[in-house]
């Protein structure tokens, strides 16, 4: 991570397995993650590669999503499937929650 950065906020995940991860750096101290957003942090591993961690913002807390210790230099390709799946699940949950809220609102009438 660059000096002064507390991680990187994942902005977009390509639907291609070899596609890019678009991120923006978060300054230290980092604000709490919004619901469904993913923060990455990476640092050099002690012997080779990179230690990567991912955190996920939930409604009330931020949780540890995954770790990839000693990941190779092409680590974005390694972590892509996990991030893509989690982002898709969060989007689906958001849509389902909105639909339930609308249903409940209409049922109150």
Protein backbone atom coordinates (compact mmCIF):
# COMPACT_ATOMS: atom_id res chain seq x y z
CA UNK A 1 0.00 0.00 0.00
CA UNK A 2 1.21 3.50 -0.62
CA UNK A 3 2.17 5.52 2.48
CA UNK A 4 -0.83 7.13 4.13
CA UNK A 5 -3.36 4.72 2.59
CA UNK A 6 -5.57 2.54 4.77
CA UNK A 7 -6.67 0.35 1.91
CA UNK A 8 -8.36 0.51 -1.45
CA UNK A 9 -12.10 0.68 -2.02
CA UNK A 10 -13.21 -1.62 -4.83
CA UNK A 11 -15.19 0.51 -7.27
CA UNK A 12 -15.83 -2.01 -10.04
CA UNK A 13 -15.07 -5.66 -10.72
CA UNK A 14 -14.88 -6.73 -14.34
CA UNK A 15 -17.16 -9.60 -15.30
CA UNK A 16 -14.21 -11.16 -17.16
CA UNK A 17 -12.02 -13.35 -14.95
CA UNK A 18 -8.92 -11.68 -16.39
CA UNK A 19 -10.49 -8.22 -16.29
CA UNK A 20 -9.48 -5.32 -14.08
CA UNK A 21 -10.39 -4.40 -10.54
CA UNK A 22 -11.01 -0.66 -10.36
CA UNK A 23 -10.09 0.72 -6.95
CA UNK A 24 -9.59 4.05 -5.23
CA UNK A 25 -7.21 4.50 -2.32
CA UNK A 26 -8.66 5.22 1.10
CA UNK A 27 -6.79 7.67 3.32
CA UNK A 28 -5.86 6.73 6.87
CA UNK A 29 -7.88 6.62 9.02
CA UNK A 30 -10.39 5.02 6.68
CA UNK A 31 -14.11 5.67 7.08
CA UNK A 32 -16.41 2.74 7.79
CA UNK A 33 -17.33 0.82 4.67
CA UNK A 34 -20.83 1.32 3.27
CA UNK A 35 -23.10 -1.71 3.00
CA UNK A 36 -21.85 -4.14 0.39
CA UNK A 37 -18.59 -2.36 -0.33
CA UNK A 38 -15.23 -4.15 -0.28
CA UNK A 39 -11.92 -2.79 1.00
CA UNK A 40 -8.61 -4.39 0.02
CA UNK A 41 -5.30 -4.10 1.81
CA UNK A 42 -2.01 -5.51 0.57
CA UNK A 43 1.53 -5.57 1.83
CA UNK A 44 4.67 -7.48 0.88
CA UNK A 45 4.79 -11.01 2.31
CA UNK A 46 7.77 -11.93 4.47
CA UNK A 47 9.31 -14.32 1.94
CA UNK A 48 7.67 -13.75 -1.42
CA UNK A 49 4.55 -12.29 -2.95
CA UNK A 50 1.86 -10.25 -1.18
CA UNK A 51 -0.38 -10.63 1.85
CA UNK A 52 -3.85 -9.56 0.77
CA UNK A 53 -6.91 -9.04 2.99
CA UNK A 54 -10.44 -8.06 2.07
CA UNK A 55 -13.13 -6.59 4.32
CA UNK A 56 -16.84 -6.28 3.59
CA UNK A 57 -19.14 -3.53 4.84
CA UNK A 58 -22.34 -4.82 6.42
CA UNK A 59 -25.24 -2.83 7.84
CA UNK A 60 -23.76 -2.39 11.30
CA UNK A 61 -20.15 -3.60 11.08
CA UNK A 62 -17.22 -4.30 8.81
CA UNK A 63 -16.20 -7.97 8.61
CA UNK A 64 -13.12 -9.83 7.46
CA UNK A 65 -14.07 -11.35 4.12
CA UNK A 66 -10.93 -13.22 3.07
CA UNK A 67 -7.14 -13.42 3.27
CA UNK A 68 -4.65 -14.53 0.66
CA UNK A 69 -1.24 -14.93 2.32
CA UNK A 70 1.85 -14.93 0.09
CA UNK A 71 -0.20 -14.35 -3.06
CA UNK A 72 1.77 -14.14 -6.32
CA UNK A 73 2.41 -10.87 -8.13
CA UNK A 74 -0.68 -11.40 -10.30
CA UNK A 75 -2.86 -11.46 -7.15
CA UNK A 76 -5.73 -9.42 -8.65
CA UNK A 77 -6.44 -12.40 -10.91
CA UNK A 78 -6.35 -14.75 -7.89
CA UNK A 79 -8.81 -12.77 -5.76
CA UNK A 80 -11.13 -11.76 -8.63
CA UNK A 81 -13.55 -14.74 -8.35
CA UNK A 82 -14.17 -14.18 -4.63
CA UNK A 83 -14.72 -10.44 -5.01
CA UNK A 84 -16.98 -10.91 -8.05
CA UNK A 85 -19.17 -13.48 -6.28
CA UNK A 86 -19.49 -11.41 -3.09
CA UNK A 87 -20.30 -8.21 -5.02
CA UNK A 88 -22.99 -10.10 -6.95
CA UNK A 89 -24.50 -11.51 -3.76
CA UNK A 90 -24.54 -8.06 -2.14
CA UNK A 91 -26.24 -6.55 -5.20
CA UNK A 92 -28.87 -9.31 -5.19
CA UNK A 93 -29.48 -8.83 -1.47
CA UNK A 94 -29.89 -5.09 -1.96
CA UNK A 95 -32.48 -5.62 -4.71
CA UNK A 96 -34.35 -8.19 -2.62
CA UNK A 97 -34.36 -5.86 0.39
CA UNK A 98 -35.70 -2.98 -1.73
CA UNK A 99 -38.43 -5.23 -3.15
CA UNK A 100 -39.46 -6.35 0.34
CA UNK A 101 -39.52 -2.76 1.57
CA UNK A 102 -41.74 -1.79 -1.36
CA UNK A 103 -44.03 -4.77 -0.77
CA UNK A 104 -44.35 -3.87 2.93
CA UNK A 105 -45.06 -0.24 2.08
CA UNK A 106 -47.79 -1.23 -0.40
CA UNK A 107 -49.27 -3.74 2.06
CA UNK A 108 -49.71 -0.98 4.67
CA UNK A 109 -52.07 0.94 2.39
